[in-house]
Structures are given as C-alpha cells and as structure tokens.
C-alpha cells in the first residue's frame, strides 16, 4: 500500500536513529483493525518514530487517543513530529517514556480496544499478560515480528528472542479466551481477539 510523504519522512528518521519500523502491509492491517474496532483507546509498545502510531491513529475514531510507550524519549520526540506533520491533534497521542513493563501496570484495566506490541521480543509473554488486563472484552492484541525472519518455524533456531516468540504463539493458540490469526504481512502480524466471558459487560 502506497505511503504518503509524512510516513516516508518518518521512515527516513527511523533509519537515521537505527529504528526498524513496521512495513506498509502491517500498517494497513493495523489501520484496518483500529477502524473495525471503532477504536477510541489504543496502547502501543514501541513508539519508534511514529510510523505504526500514525497508521493506528488514521484508523481510530476522530476522538481516539493513542497511548504509546518507548524507552527512548528521543524516538518519541521524533514521533511527535511525525504526528504533528500529519495534522494529528497533540491531545490524541499520549507518549510515555519508560520500560513497557513499568508503564503498562499503571494503565486502566479493561479500557483499551487495541494493544499493539513491537517492543522487546523477550518480553512478549509479559506484554500478553498485561494486554489481557488492559483490553475490553472484544478487544484485540497484536504482535509484530511473529515470524521473526522465518526463524520461529525453524526448530533449530533456539536463540532467546525466537524461543520467546515461539512460546507466545503457543500460549495464544492454547488460550480459551483468545481467537487468534497470524497475518502473513511484513514479518508476520499475530493478532488475537479477547473473548467475552460470562459476567463481563
């Protein structure tokens, strides 16, 4: 899917600071999911220079707010520039610098429509646990790099990140509370819907 000048500029900034942003296929999928969910509140782990955040914001409701977390405050400064260039109102993007596993526990339970994870692969299982708490019933959690350069499908690959992503895929597939799909876009986008449970509104 063709990207505009704002996204191209964000990608150029990402290259300058050594960030690998999502591809346009993953971006289009995220925008679609945000639109289908009529998303008002989204959490993003891994701000980068704002490429994924902008795709998400463009799919969300016009009054929707993106909460994006990154350990690099400088990356978030560049992301804010991206959002501003795209005409996104400053109150629609809440950037929180810090470790995701320190920030996420402070966010409101059951408040979010979508959680997008593109941070430390070794922490993916912990992100899933937090996402299950943060998502409303019917909300969706997404993980980028679910194929991890085709390493996940190769049992000979046993490095820490590959094993963590492989274990995440199994955990999601085995969860009765999730309906998963692996989308073959970019480096693999694993998405899962949080099912409604009895007693939930």
N, C-alpha and C. Protein backbone atom coordinates (compact mmCIF):
# COMPACT_ATOMS: atom_id res chain seq x y z
N UNK A 1 0.85 -1.19 0.00
CA UNK A 1 0.00 0.00 0.00
C UNK A 1 0.88 1.24 0.00
N UNK A 2 0.60 2.19 -0.87
CA UNK A 2 1.42 3.39 -1.01
C UNK A 2 1.35 4.25 0.25
N UNK A 3 2.48 4.79 0.66
CA UNK A 3 2.53 5.67 1.82
C UNK A 3 2.74 7.11 1.38
N UNK A 4 2.28 8.03 2.21
CA UNK A 4 2.39 9.45 1.85
C UNK A 4 3.72 10.02 2.34
N UNK A 5 3.92 11.32 2.09
CA UNK A 5 5.19 11.98 2.43
C UNK A 5 5.47 11.95 3.93
N UNK A 6 4.42 12.05 4.75
CA UNK A 6 4.62 12.05 6.20
C UNK A 6 5.21 10.73 6.65
N UNK A 7 4.65 9.64 6.17
CA UNK A 7 5.17 8.32 6.54
C UNK A 7 6.58 8.10 5.98
N UNK A 8 6.81 8.58 4.77
CA UNK A 8 8.16 8.45 4.20
C UNK A 8 9.19 9.22 5.02
N UNK A 9 8.81 10.40 5.50
CA UNK A 9 9.71 11.18 6.36
C UNK A 9 9.97 10.47 7.68
N UNK A 10 8.91 9.86 8.23
CA UNK A 10 9.06 9.12 9.49
C UNK A 10 10.00 7.94 9.31
N UNK A 11 9.91 7.28 8.15
CA UNK A 11 10.81 6.15 7.87
C UNK A 11 12.26 6.63 7.74
N UNK A 12 12.45 7.79 7.13
CA UNK A 12 13.81 8.34 6.99
C UNK A 12 14.40 8.64 8.36
N UNK A 13 13.58 9.18 9.26
CA UNK A 13 14.05 9.46 10.63
C UNK A 13 14.39 8.14 11.34
N UNK A 14 13.57 7.14 11.12
CA UNK A 14 13.82 5.83 11.75
C UNK A 14 15.18 5.28 11.32
N UNK A 15 15.48 5.42 10.06
CA UNK A 15 16.77 4.93 9.55
C UNK A 15 17.92 5.67 10.21
N UNK A 16 17.74 6.98 10.39
CA UNK A 16 18.79 7.82 10.99
C UNK A 16 19.11 7.39 12.42
N UNK A 17 18.08 6.98 13.17
CA UNK A 17 18.30 6.64 14.59
C UNK A 17 18.38 5.14 14.83
N UNK A 18 18.35 4.35 13.75
CA UNK A 18 18.53 2.91 13.88
C UNK A 18 17.30 2.14 14.35
N UNK A 19 16.12 2.67 14.03
CA UNK A 19 14.86 2.00 14.36
C UNK A 19 14.35 1.28 13.12
N UNK A 20 13.81 0.08 13.32
CA UNK A 20 13.21 -0.66 12.20
C UNK A 20 11.69 -0.55 12.33
N UNK A 21 11.06 0.30 11.50
CA UNK A 21 9.60 0.46 11.62
C UNK A 21 8.85 -0.68 10.94
N UNK A 22 7.57 -0.77 11.24
CA UNK A 22 6.72 -1.76 10.57
C UNK A 22 6.65 -1.46 9.08
N UNK A 23 6.36 -2.48 8.28
CA UNK A 23 6.16 -2.28 6.86
C UNK A 23 4.77 -1.74 6.57
N UNK A 24 4.55 -1.31 5.35
CA UNK A 24 3.26 -0.72 5.00
C UNK A 24 2.12 -1.75 5.07
N UNK A 25 2.44 -3.03 4.82
CA UNK A 25 1.40 -4.07 4.92
C UNK A 25 0.89 -4.22 6.34
N UNK A 26 1.82 -4.23 7.30
CA UNK A 26 1.44 -4.30 8.71
C UNK A 26 0.68 -3.03 9.10
N UNK A 27 1.17 -1.89 8.59
CA UNK A 27 0.50 -0.63 8.87
C UNK A 27 -0.95 -0.63 8.40
N UNK A 28 -1.16 -1.10 7.18
CA UNK A 28 -2.52 -1.16 6.63
C UNK A 28 -3.41 -2.09 7.47
N UNK A 29 -2.83 -3.20 7.94
CA UNK A 29 -3.58 -4.15 8.78
C UNK A 29 -3.96 -3.50 10.11
N UNK A 30 -3.03 -2.75 10.70
CA UNK A 30 -3.32 -2.08 11.97
C UNK A 30 -4.39 -1.00 11.79
N UNK A 31 -4.29 -0.24 10.72
CA UNK A 31 -5.30 0.78 10.47
C UNK A 31 -6.68 0.13 10.30
N UNK A 32 -6.72 -0.99 9.57
CA UNK A 32 -7.97 -1.71 9.36
C UNK A 32 -8.55 -2.19 10.69
N UNK A 33 -7.71 -2.81 11.52
CA UNK A 33 -8.18 -3.32 12.81
C UNK A 33 -8.70 -2.18 13.70
N UNK A 34 -7.97 -1.07 13.73
CA UNK A 34 -8.40 0.07 14.53
C UNK A 34 -9.75 0.60 14.03
N UNK A 35 -9.94 0.58 12.71
CA UNK A 35 -11.19 1.07 12.13
C UNK A 35 -12.34 0.11 12.41
N UNK A 36 -12.09 -1.19 12.26
CA UNK A 36 -13.13 -2.19 12.51
C UNK A 36 -13.58 -2.15 13.97
N UNK A 37 -12.62 -1.94 14.87
CA UNK A 37 -12.93 -1.88 16.30
C UNK A 37 -13.54 -0.54 16.70
N UNK A 38 -13.55 0.42 15.76
CA UNK A 38 -14.00 1.78 16.08
C UNK A 38 -13.23 2.27 17.30
N UNK A 39 -11.92 2.05 17.26
CA UNK A 39 -11.07 2.20 18.44
C UNK A 39 -11.01 3.64 18.96
N UNK A 40 -11.28 3.75 20.25
CA UNK A 40 -11.21 5.04 20.94
C UNK A 40 -9.94 5.13 21.78
N UNK A 41 -9.44 3.96 22.23
CA UNK A 41 -8.25 3.93 23.10
C UNK A 41 -7.35 2.78 22.67
N UNK A 42 -6.10 3.11 22.32
CA UNK A 42 -5.14 2.12 21.83
C UNK A 42 -3.83 2.29 22.60
N UNK A 43 -3.20 1.16 22.95
CA UNK A 43 -1.86 1.17 23.55
C UNK A 43 -0.88 0.63 22.53
N UNK A 44 0.25 1.30 22.42
CA UNK A 44 1.33 0.85 21.54
C UNK A 44 2.61 0.70 22.36
N UNK A 45 3.24 -0.46 22.24
CA UNK A 45 4.53 -0.69 22.90
C UNK A 45 5.60 -0.63 21.83
N UNK A 46 6.43 0.41 21.88
CA UNK A 46 7.44 0.64 20.86
C UNK A 46 7.01 1.77 19.94
N UNK A 47 7.29 3.01 20.36
CA UNK A 47 6.85 4.19 19.60
C UNK A 47 7.63 4.35 18.30
N UNK A 48 8.95 4.08 18.39
CA UNK A 48 9.80 4.36 17.22
C UNK A 48 9.69 5.82 16.83
N UNK A 49 9.62 6.08 15.54
CA UNK A 49 9.50 7.46 15.07
C UNK A 49 8.08 7.78 14.61
N UNK A 50 7.13 6.93 15.01
CA UNK A 50 5.72 7.25 14.78
C UNK A 50 5.08 6.61 13.57
N UNK A 51 5.78 5.70 12.90
CA UNK A 51 5.21 5.06 11.71
C UNK A 51 3.97 4.24 12.08
N UNK A 52 4.12 3.31 13.02
CA UNK A 52 2.98 2.47 13.41
C UNK A 52 1.91 3.30 14.10
N UNK A 53 2.33 4.26 14.92
CA UNK A 53 1.37 5.10 15.61
C UNK A 53 0.48 5.87 14.66
N UNK A 54 1.08 6.37 13.57
CA UNK A 54 0.30 7.14 12.60
C UNK A 54 -0.70 6.24 11.87
N UNK A 55 -0.27 5.03 11.51
CA UNK A 55 -1.20 4.08 10.88
C UNK A 55 -2.38 3.81 11.81
N UNK A 56 -2.08 3.60 13.10
CA UNK A 56 -3.14 3.33 14.07
C UNK A 56 -4.08 4.53 14.22
N UNK A 57 -3.51 5.71 14.38
CA UNK A 57 -4.32 6.92 14.55
C UNK A 57 -5.23 7.15 13.35
N UNK A 58 -4.76 6.82 12.17
CA UNK A 58 -5.57 7.03 10.97
C UNK A 58 -6.74 6.04 10.87
N UNK A 59 -6.67 4.95 11.65
CA UNK A 59 -7.79 4.02 11.66
C UNK A 59 -8.75 4.26 12.81
N UNK A 60 -8.27 4.96 13.84
CA UNK A 60 -9.07 5.17 15.04
C UNK A 60 -10.15 6.23 14.83
N UNK A 61 -11.07 6.28 15.78
CA UNK A 61 -12.09 7.34 15.78
C UNK A 61 -11.40 8.70 15.83
N UNK A 62 -12.11 9.72 15.36
CA UNK A 62 -11.52 11.07 15.33
C UNK A 62 -11.24 11.61 16.73
N UNK A 63 -11.91 11.03 17.74
CA UNK A 63 -11.64 11.45 19.12
C UNK A 63 -10.80 10.42 19.87
N UNK A 64 -10.25 9.45 19.14
CA UNK A 64 -9.47 8.38 19.78
C UNK A 64 -8.11 8.87 20.25
N UNK A 65 -7.62 8.22 21.31
CA UNK A 65 -6.32 8.58 21.88
C UNK A 65 -5.39 7.37 21.85
N UNK A 66 -4.20 7.59 21.31
CA UNK A 66 -3.14 6.58 21.28
C UNK A 66 -2.20 6.82 22.46
N UNK A 67 -2.00 5.78 23.27
CA UNK A 67 -1.01 5.83 24.35
C UNK A 67 0.17 5.00 23.89
N UNK A 68 1.32 5.64 23.70
CA UNK A 68 2.46 4.93 23.14
C UNK A 68 3.66 5.00 24.08
N UNK A 69 4.30 3.84 24.29
CA UNK A 69 5.35 3.69 25.29
C UNK A 69 6.66 3.31 24.60
N UNK A 70 7.75 3.95 25.02
CA UNK A 70 9.06 3.62 24.45
C UNK A 70 10.14 3.98 25.47
N UNK A 71 11.20 3.20 25.51
CA UNK A 71 12.31 3.51 26.43
C UNK A 71 13.11 4.71 25.96
N UNK A 72 13.02 5.05 24.67
CA UNK A 72 13.82 6.14 24.11
C UNK A 72 12.98 7.41 23.98
N UNK A 73 13.22 8.38 24.84
CA UNK A 73 12.48 9.65 24.78
C UNK A 73 12.76 10.39 23.47
N UNK A 74 13.96 10.24 22.94
CA UNK A 74 14.31 10.92 21.68
C UNK A 74 13.48 10.38 20.52
N UNK A 75 13.25 9.08 20.52
CA UNK A 75 12.39 8.50 19.48
C UNK A 75 10.99 9.09 19.58
N UNK A 76 10.51 9.25 20.80
CA UNK A 76 9.16 9.80 20.98
C UNK A 76 9.08 11.25 20.53
N UNK A 77 10.17 11.97 20.71
CA UNK A 77 10.19 13.36 20.21
C UNK A 77 10.01 13.36 18.69
N UNK A 78 10.68 12.44 18.02
CA UNK A 78 10.56 12.33 16.56
C UNK A 78 9.16 11.87 16.16
N UNK A 79 8.57 10.98 16.97
CA UNK A 79 7.21 10.52 16.68
C UNK A 79 6.22 11.68 16.78
N UNK A 80 6.40 12.52 17.79
CA UNK A 80 5.51 13.69 17.94
C UNK A 80 5.60 14.59 16.71
N UNK A 81 6.80 14.70 16.17
CA UNK A 81 6.99 15.50 14.94
C UNK A 81 6.21 14.86 13.79
N UNK A 82 6.26 13.53 13.69
CA UNK A 82 5.51 12.82 12.66
C UNK A 82 4.01 13.08 12.80
N UNK A 83 3.50 12.95 14.02
CA UNK A 83 2.07 13.15 14.26
C UNK A 83 1.66 14.58 13.92
N UNK A 84 2.51 15.53 14.29
CA UNK A 84 2.22 16.95 14.02
C UNK A 84 2.17 17.20 12.51
N UNK A 85 3.15 16.65 11.79
CA UNK A 85 3.18 16.82 10.33
C UNK A 85 1.95 16.21 9.67
N UNK A 86 1.38 15.19 10.30
CA UNK A 86 0.19 14.53 9.75
C UNK A 86 -1.10 15.24 10.14
N UNK A 87 -0.98 16.29 10.93
CA UNK A 87 -2.16 17.04 11.34
C UNK A 87 -2.93 16.40 12.48
N UNK A 88 -2.25 15.52 13.22
CA UNK A 88 -2.88 14.87 14.37
C UNK A 88 -2.84 15.83 15.56
N UNK A 89 -3.97 16.07 16.19
CA UNK A 89 -4.02 16.96 17.36
C UNK A 89 -3.15 16.38 18.47
N UNK A 90 -2.43 17.25 19.18
CA UNK A 90 -1.46 16.79 20.19
C UNK A 90 -2.12 15.98 21.31
N UNK A 91 -3.40 16.25 21.58
CA UNK A 91 -4.08 15.53 22.67
C UNK A 91 -4.53 14.12 22.27
N UNK A 92 -4.27 13.75 21.02
CA UNK A 92 -4.66 12.41 20.56
C UNK A 92 -3.53 11.40 20.67
N UNK A 93 -2.32 11.87 21.01
CA UNK A 93 -1.18 10.96 21.16
C UNK A 93 -0.50 11.22 22.49
N UNK A 94 -0.61 10.26 23.38
CA UNK A 94 0.00 10.37 24.71
C UNK A 94 1.27 9.54 24.70
N UNK A 95 2.42 10.19 24.74
CA UNK A 95 3.70 9.48 24.73
C UNK A 95 4.20 9.34 26.16
N UNK A 96 4.54 8.11 26.54
CA UNK A 96 5.05 7.85 27.89
C UNK A 96 6.42 7.20 27.77
N UNK A 97 7.49 7.92 28.15
CA UNK A 97 8.82 7.30 28.09
C UNK A 97 9.01 6.34 29.25
N UNK A 98 9.68 5.22 28.99
CA UNK A 98 9.96 4.26 30.05
C UNK A 98 9.82 2.83 29.57
N UNK A 99 10.16 1.91 30.45
CA UNK A 99 10.04 0.48 30.17
C UNK A 99 8.57 0.09 30.13
N UNK A 100 8.18 -0.68 29.12
CA UNK A 100 6.78 -1.08 28.98
C UNK A 100 6.27 -1.80 30.23
N UNK A 101 7.10 -2.65 30.81
CA UNK A 101 6.65 -3.45 31.96
C UNK A 101 6.56 -2.62 33.24
N UNK A 102 7.09 -1.40 33.20
CA UNK A 102 6.90 -0.47 34.32
C UNK A 102 5.71 0.45 34.07
N UNK A 103 5.46 0.77 32.80
CA UNK A 103 4.38 1.70 32.44
C UNK A 103 3.02 1.00 32.37
N UNK A 104 2.96 -0.15 31.72
CA UNK A 104 1.67 -0.82 31.48
C UNK A 104 0.86 -1.08 32.76
N UNK A 105 1.48 -1.50 33.86
CA UNK A 105 0.69 -1.75 35.07
C UNK A 105 -0.03 -0.51 35.59
N UNK A 106 0.39 0.67 35.16
CA UNK A 106 -0.25 1.91 35.62
C UNK A 106 -1.46 2.29 34.77
N UNK A 107 -1.68 1.59 33.66
CA UNK A 107 -2.79 1.91 32.76
C UNK A 107 -4.07 1.22 33.23
N UNK A 108 -5.21 1.76 32.80
CA UNK A 108 -6.52 1.35 33.32
C UNK A 108 -6.98 0.00 32.78
N UNK A 109 -7.42 -0.87 33.68
CA UNK A 109 -7.95 -2.18 33.30
C UNK A 109 -9.17 -2.04 32.39
N UNK A 110 -9.25 -2.91 31.38
CA UNK A 110 -10.44 -3.02 30.55
C UNK A 110 -10.83 -1.78 29.77
N UNK A 111 -9.86 -0.89 29.56
CA UNK A 111 -10.16 0.42 28.97
C UNK A 111 -9.85 0.48 27.47
N UNK A 112 -9.03 -0.45 26.99
CA UNK A 112 -8.46 -0.30 25.65
C UNK A 112 -9.08 -1.25 24.62
N UNK A 113 -9.18 -0.74 23.40
CA UNK A 113 -9.74 -1.51 22.28
C UNK A 113 -8.69 -2.35 21.57
N UNK A 114 -7.44 -1.86 21.58
CA UNK A 114 -6.38 -2.49 20.81
C UNK A 114 -5.05 -2.27 21.54
N UNK A 115 -4.24 -3.31 21.61
CA UNK A 115 -2.88 -3.21 22.15
C UNK A 115 -1.94 -3.74 21.08
N UNK A 116 -0.99 -2.90 20.64
CA UNK A 116 -0.03 -3.31 19.61
C UNK A 116 1.35 -3.40 20.25
N UNK A 117 1.97 -4.58 20.12
CA UNK A 117 3.26 -4.85 20.76
C UNK A 117 4.38 -4.96 19.73
N UNK A 118 5.35 -4.06 19.84
CA UNK A 118 6.51 -4.10 18.95
C UNK A 118 7.73 -3.65 19.75
N UNK A 119 7.86 -4.24 20.95
CA UNK A 119 8.97 -3.89 21.82
C UNK A 119 9.97 -5.03 21.91
N UNK A 120 10.49 -5.26 23.11
CA UNK A 120 11.48 -6.31 23.36
C UNK A 120 10.81 -7.68 23.19
N UNK A 121 11.28 -8.44 22.23
CA UNK A 121 10.65 -9.73 21.93
C UNK A 121 10.68 -10.67 23.14
N UNK A 122 11.71 -10.56 23.96
CA UNK A 122 11.83 -11.42 25.13
C UNK A 122 10.75 -11.13 26.17
N UNK A 123 10.09 -9.98 26.04
CA UNK A 123 9.04 -9.59 26.98
C UNK A 123 7.64 -9.82 26.42
N UNK A 124 7.53 -10.46 25.25
CA UNK A 124 6.23 -10.62 24.60
C UNK A 124 5.21 -11.34 25.50
N UNK A 125 5.64 -12.38 26.22
CA UNK A 125 4.71 -13.11 27.09
C UNK A 125 4.16 -12.19 28.18
N UNK A 126 5.02 -11.34 28.72
CA UNK A 126 4.59 -10.39 29.75
C UNK A 126 3.65 -9.34 29.15
N UNK A 127 3.93 -8.92 27.90
CA UNK A 127 3.03 -7.96 27.24
C UNK A 127 1.63 -8.58 27.07
N UNK A 128 1.60 -9.87 26.71
CA UNK A 128 0.32 -10.54 26.54
C UNK A 128 -0.48 -10.52 27.84
N UNK A 129 0.22 -10.81 28.94
CA UNK A 129 -0.45 -10.82 30.24
C UNK A 129 -1.04 -9.44 30.55
N UNK A 130 -0.26 -8.39 30.30
CA UNK A 130 -0.74 -7.03 30.54
C UNK A 130 -1.90 -6.69 29.60
N UNK A 131 -1.78 -7.10 28.35
CA UNK A 131 -2.82 -6.79 27.36
C UNK A 131 -4.15 -7.42 27.75
N UNK A 132 -4.13 -8.63 28.27
CA UNK A 132 -5.37 -9.29 28.68
C UNK A 132 -6.08 -8.50 29.77
N UNK A 133 -5.32 -7.81 30.60
CA UNK A 133 -5.90 -6.97 31.64
C UNK A 133 -6.39 -5.65 31.08
N UNK A 134 -5.63 -5.10 30.14
CA UNK A 134 -5.93 -3.77 29.61
C UNK A 134 -7.10 -3.76 28.62
N UNK A 135 -7.26 -4.86 27.87
CA UNK A 135 -8.26 -4.89 26.81
C UNK A 135 -9.68 -5.05 27.35
N UNK A 136 -10.59 -4.37 26.71
CA UNK A 136 -12.02 -4.63 26.95
C UNK A 136 -12.37 -5.97 26.29
N UNK A 137 -13.45 -6.63 26.73
CA UNK A 137 -13.89 -7.82 26.01
C UNK A 137 -14.18 -7.46 24.54
N UNK A 138 -13.69 -8.27 23.62
CA UNK A 138 -13.84 -7.97 22.20
C UNK A 138 -12.67 -7.18 21.64
N UNK A 139 -11.76 -6.73 22.51
CA UNK A 139 -10.58 -6.00 22.06
C UNK A 139 -9.55 -6.94 21.45
N UNK A 140 -8.54 -6.36 20.82
CA UNK A 140 -7.56 -7.15 20.06
C UNK A 140 -6.14 -6.79 20.49
N UNK A 141 -5.32 -7.82 20.65
CA UNK A 141 -3.88 -7.63 20.89
C UNK A 141 -3.13 -8.08 19.63
N UNK A 142 -2.10 -7.33 19.25
CA UNK A 142 -1.31 -7.64 18.06
C UNK A 142 0.18 -7.65 18.40
N UNK A 143 0.90 -8.59 17.80
CA UNK A 143 2.35 -8.68 17.98
C UNK A 143 3.03 -8.64 16.62
N UNK A 144 3.96 -7.70 16.46
CA UNK A 144 4.74 -7.64 15.22
C UNK A 144 5.88 -8.65 15.28
N UNK A 145 6.45 -8.97 14.12
CA UNK A 145 7.59 -9.90 14.00
C UNK A 145 7.24 -11.30 14.49
N UNK A 146 6.00 -11.74 14.26
CA UNK A 146 5.57 -13.06 14.73
C UNK A 146 6.28 -14.19 13.99
N UNK A 147 6.83 -13.91 12.81
CA UNK A 147 7.59 -14.93 12.07
C UNK A 147 9.09 -14.83 12.37
N UNK A 148 9.50 -13.62 12.79
CA UNK A 148 10.90 -13.33 13.18
C UNK A 148 11.89 -13.83 12.13
N UNK A 149 11.72 -13.27 10.93
CA UNK A 149 12.61 -13.58 9.80
C UNK A 149 12.65 -15.08 9.50
N UNK A 150 11.47 -15.72 9.62
CA UNK A 150 11.30 -17.15 9.36
C UNK A 150 12.04 -18.05 10.36
N UNK A 151 12.51 -17.47 11.46
CA UNK A 151 13.23 -18.27 12.46
C UNK A 151 12.26 -19.07 13.34
N UNK A 152 11.06 -18.53 13.58
CA UNK A 152 10.11 -19.16 14.51
C UNK A 152 9.73 -20.56 14.02
N UNK A 153 9.56 -20.71 12.72
CA UNK A 153 9.13 -22.01 12.16
C UNK A 153 10.26 -23.03 12.09
N UNK A 154 11.50 -22.59 12.36
CA UNK A 154 12.65 -23.47 12.26
C UNK A 154 13.05 -23.95 13.66
N UNK A 155 12.75 -25.22 14.02
CA UNK A 155 13.03 -25.70 15.38
C UNK A 155 14.50 -25.66 15.76
N UNK A 156 15.37 -25.55 14.77
CA UNK A 156 16.81 -25.48 15.06
C UNK A 156 17.20 -24.13 15.66
N UNK A 157 16.35 -23.12 15.46
CA UNK A 157 16.65 -21.78 15.97
C UNK A 157 16.22 -21.71 17.44
N UNK A 158 17.19 -21.55 18.33
CA UNK A 158 16.90 -21.61 19.77
C UNK A 158 17.37 -20.36 20.51
N UNK A 159 17.62 -19.27 19.80
CA UNK A 159 18.02 -18.04 20.50
C UNK A 159 16.85 -17.51 21.33
N UNK A 160 17.17 -16.67 22.28
CA UNK A 160 16.20 -16.23 23.29
C UNK A 160 14.97 -15.55 22.67
N UNK A 161 15.19 -14.68 21.70
CA UNK A 161 14.07 -13.95 21.09
C UNK A 161 13.17 -14.89 20.29
N UNK A 162 13.77 -15.77 19.49
CA UNK A 162 12.99 -16.72 18.70
C UNK A 162 12.15 -17.62 19.60
N UNK A 163 12.75 -18.13 20.65
CA UNK A 163 12.03 -19.02 21.59
C UNK A 163 10.88 -18.26 22.25
N UNK A 164 11.12 -17.00 22.60
CA UNK A 164 10.07 -16.20 23.25
C UNK A 164 8.87 -16.00 22.33
N UNK A 165 9.13 -15.73 21.05
CA UNK A 165 8.04 -15.52 20.09
C UNK A 165 7.32 -16.84 19.82
N UNK A 166 8.09 -17.93 19.73
CA UNK A 166 7.50 -19.26 19.52
C UNK A 166 6.58 -19.62 20.68
N UNK A 167 7.06 -19.38 21.91
CA UNK A 167 6.27 -19.68 23.10
C UNK A 167 5.01 -18.82 23.15
N UNK A 168 5.14 -17.56 22.73
CA UNK A 168 3.98 -16.67 22.69
C UNK A 168 2.90 -17.23 21.77
N UNK A 169 3.32 -17.68 20.58
CA UNK A 169 2.37 -18.24 19.62
C UNK A 169 1.63 -19.43 20.19
N UNK A 170 2.35 -20.29 20.91
CA UNK A 170 1.73 -21.46 21.53
C UNK A 170 0.74 -21.03 22.62
N UNK A 171 1.15 -20.06 23.44
CA UNK A 171 0.31 -19.61 24.54
C UNK A 171 -1.00 -19.02 24.02
N UNK A 172 -0.91 -18.26 22.95
CA UNK A 172 -2.11 -17.65 22.37
C UNK A 172 -3.00 -18.73 21.74
N UNK A 173 -2.38 -19.66 21.03
CA UNK A 173 -3.15 -20.74 20.39
C UNK A 173 -3.86 -21.60 21.44
N UNK A 174 -3.23 -21.78 22.61
CA UNK A 174 -3.78 -22.65 23.65
C UNK A 174 -4.77 -21.94 24.57
N UNK A 175 -4.91 -20.62 24.42
CA UNK A 175 -5.77 -19.86 25.33
C UNK A 175 -7.23 -19.94 24.89
N UNK A 176 -8.08 -20.38 25.81
CA UNK A 176 -9.52 -20.47 25.51
C UNK A 176 -10.14 -19.08 25.41
N UNK A 177 -9.45 -18.08 25.95
CA UNK A 177 -10.01 -16.73 25.96
C UNK A 177 -9.62 -15.87 24.78
N UNK A 178 -8.92 -16.46 23.80
CA UNK A 178 -8.45 -15.69 22.66
C UNK A 178 -8.81 -16.37 21.34
N UNK A 179 -9.14 -15.57 20.34
CA UNK A 179 -9.34 -16.06 18.97
C UNK A 179 -8.22 -15.48 18.11
N UNK A 180 -7.22 -16.30 17.73
CA UNK A 180 -6.04 -15.77 17.06
C UNK A 180 -6.06 -15.89 15.53
N UNK A 181 -5.23 -15.06 14.91
CA UNK A 181 -4.95 -15.19 13.48
C UNK A 181 -3.53 -14.69 13.24
N UNK A 182 -2.78 -15.41 12.40
CA UNK A 182 -1.44 -14.97 12.00
C UNK A 182 -1.54 -14.41 10.59
N UNK A 183 -1.35 -13.11 10.46
CA UNK A 183 -1.47 -12.46 9.16
C UNK A 183 -0.09 -12.44 8.49
N UNK A 184 0.00 -12.94 7.25
CA UNK A 184 1.29 -13.01 6.56
C UNK A 184 1.67 -11.67 5.92
N UNK A 185 1.71 -10.63 6.71
CA UNK A 185 2.16 -9.31 6.23
C UNK A 185 3.45 -8.96 6.94
N UNK A 186 4.34 -8.27 6.25
CA UNK A 186 5.62 -7.89 6.83
C UNK A 186 6.35 -9.11 7.35
N UNK A 187 6.78 -9.03 8.61
CA UNK A 187 7.49 -10.13 9.25
C UNK A 187 6.53 -10.95 10.12
N UNK A 188 5.24 -10.91 9.75
CA UNK A 188 4.21 -11.65 10.47
C UNK A 188 3.55 -10.80 11.54
N UNK A 189 2.23 -10.69 11.47
CA UNK A 189 1.47 -9.96 12.48
C UNK A 189 0.51 -10.96 13.14
N UNK A 190 0.77 -11.24 14.42
CA UNK A 190 -0.09 -12.16 15.18
C UNK A 190 -1.12 -11.32 15.92
N UNK A 191 -2.39 -11.56 15.62
CA UNK A 191 -3.48 -10.82 16.26
C UNK A 191 -4.39 -11.80 16.98
N UNK A 192 -4.97 -11.36 18.08
CA UNK A 192 -5.90 -12.22 18.83
C UNK A 192 -6.97 -11.37 19.48
N UNK A 193 -8.21 -11.82 19.32
CA UNK A 193 -9.35 -11.13 19.94
C UNK A 193 -9.61 -11.70 21.32
N UNK A 194 -9.79 -10.80 22.28
CA UNK A 194 -10.16 -11.23 23.64
C UNK A 194 -11.64 -11.56 23.66
N UNK A 195 -11.94 -12.80 24.00
CA UNK A 195 -13.32 -13.25 24.01
C UNK A 195 -14.12 -12.64 25.18
N UNK A 196 -15.42 -12.56 25.00
CA UNK A 196 -16.30 -12.15 26.08
C UNK A 196 -16.40 -13.31 27.06
N UNK A 197 -16.41 -13.00 28.34
CA UNK A 197 -16.59 -14.03 29.37
C UNK A 197 -17.86 -13.76 30.15
N UNK A 198 -18.49 -14.78 30.69
CA UNK A 198 -19.71 -14.56 31.48
C UNK A 198 -19.44 -13.58 32.62
N UNK A 199 -20.37 -12.67 32.77
CA UNK A 199 -20.22 -11.68 33.83
C UNK A 199 -19.57 -10.39 33.39
N UNK A 200 -19.02 -10.37 32.14
CA UNK A 200 -18.41 -9.14 31.64
C UNK A 200 -19.44 -8.33 30.87
N UNK A 201 -19.33 -7.00 30.97
CA UNK A 201 -20.27 -6.13 30.25
C UNK A 201 -19.89 -6.04 28.79
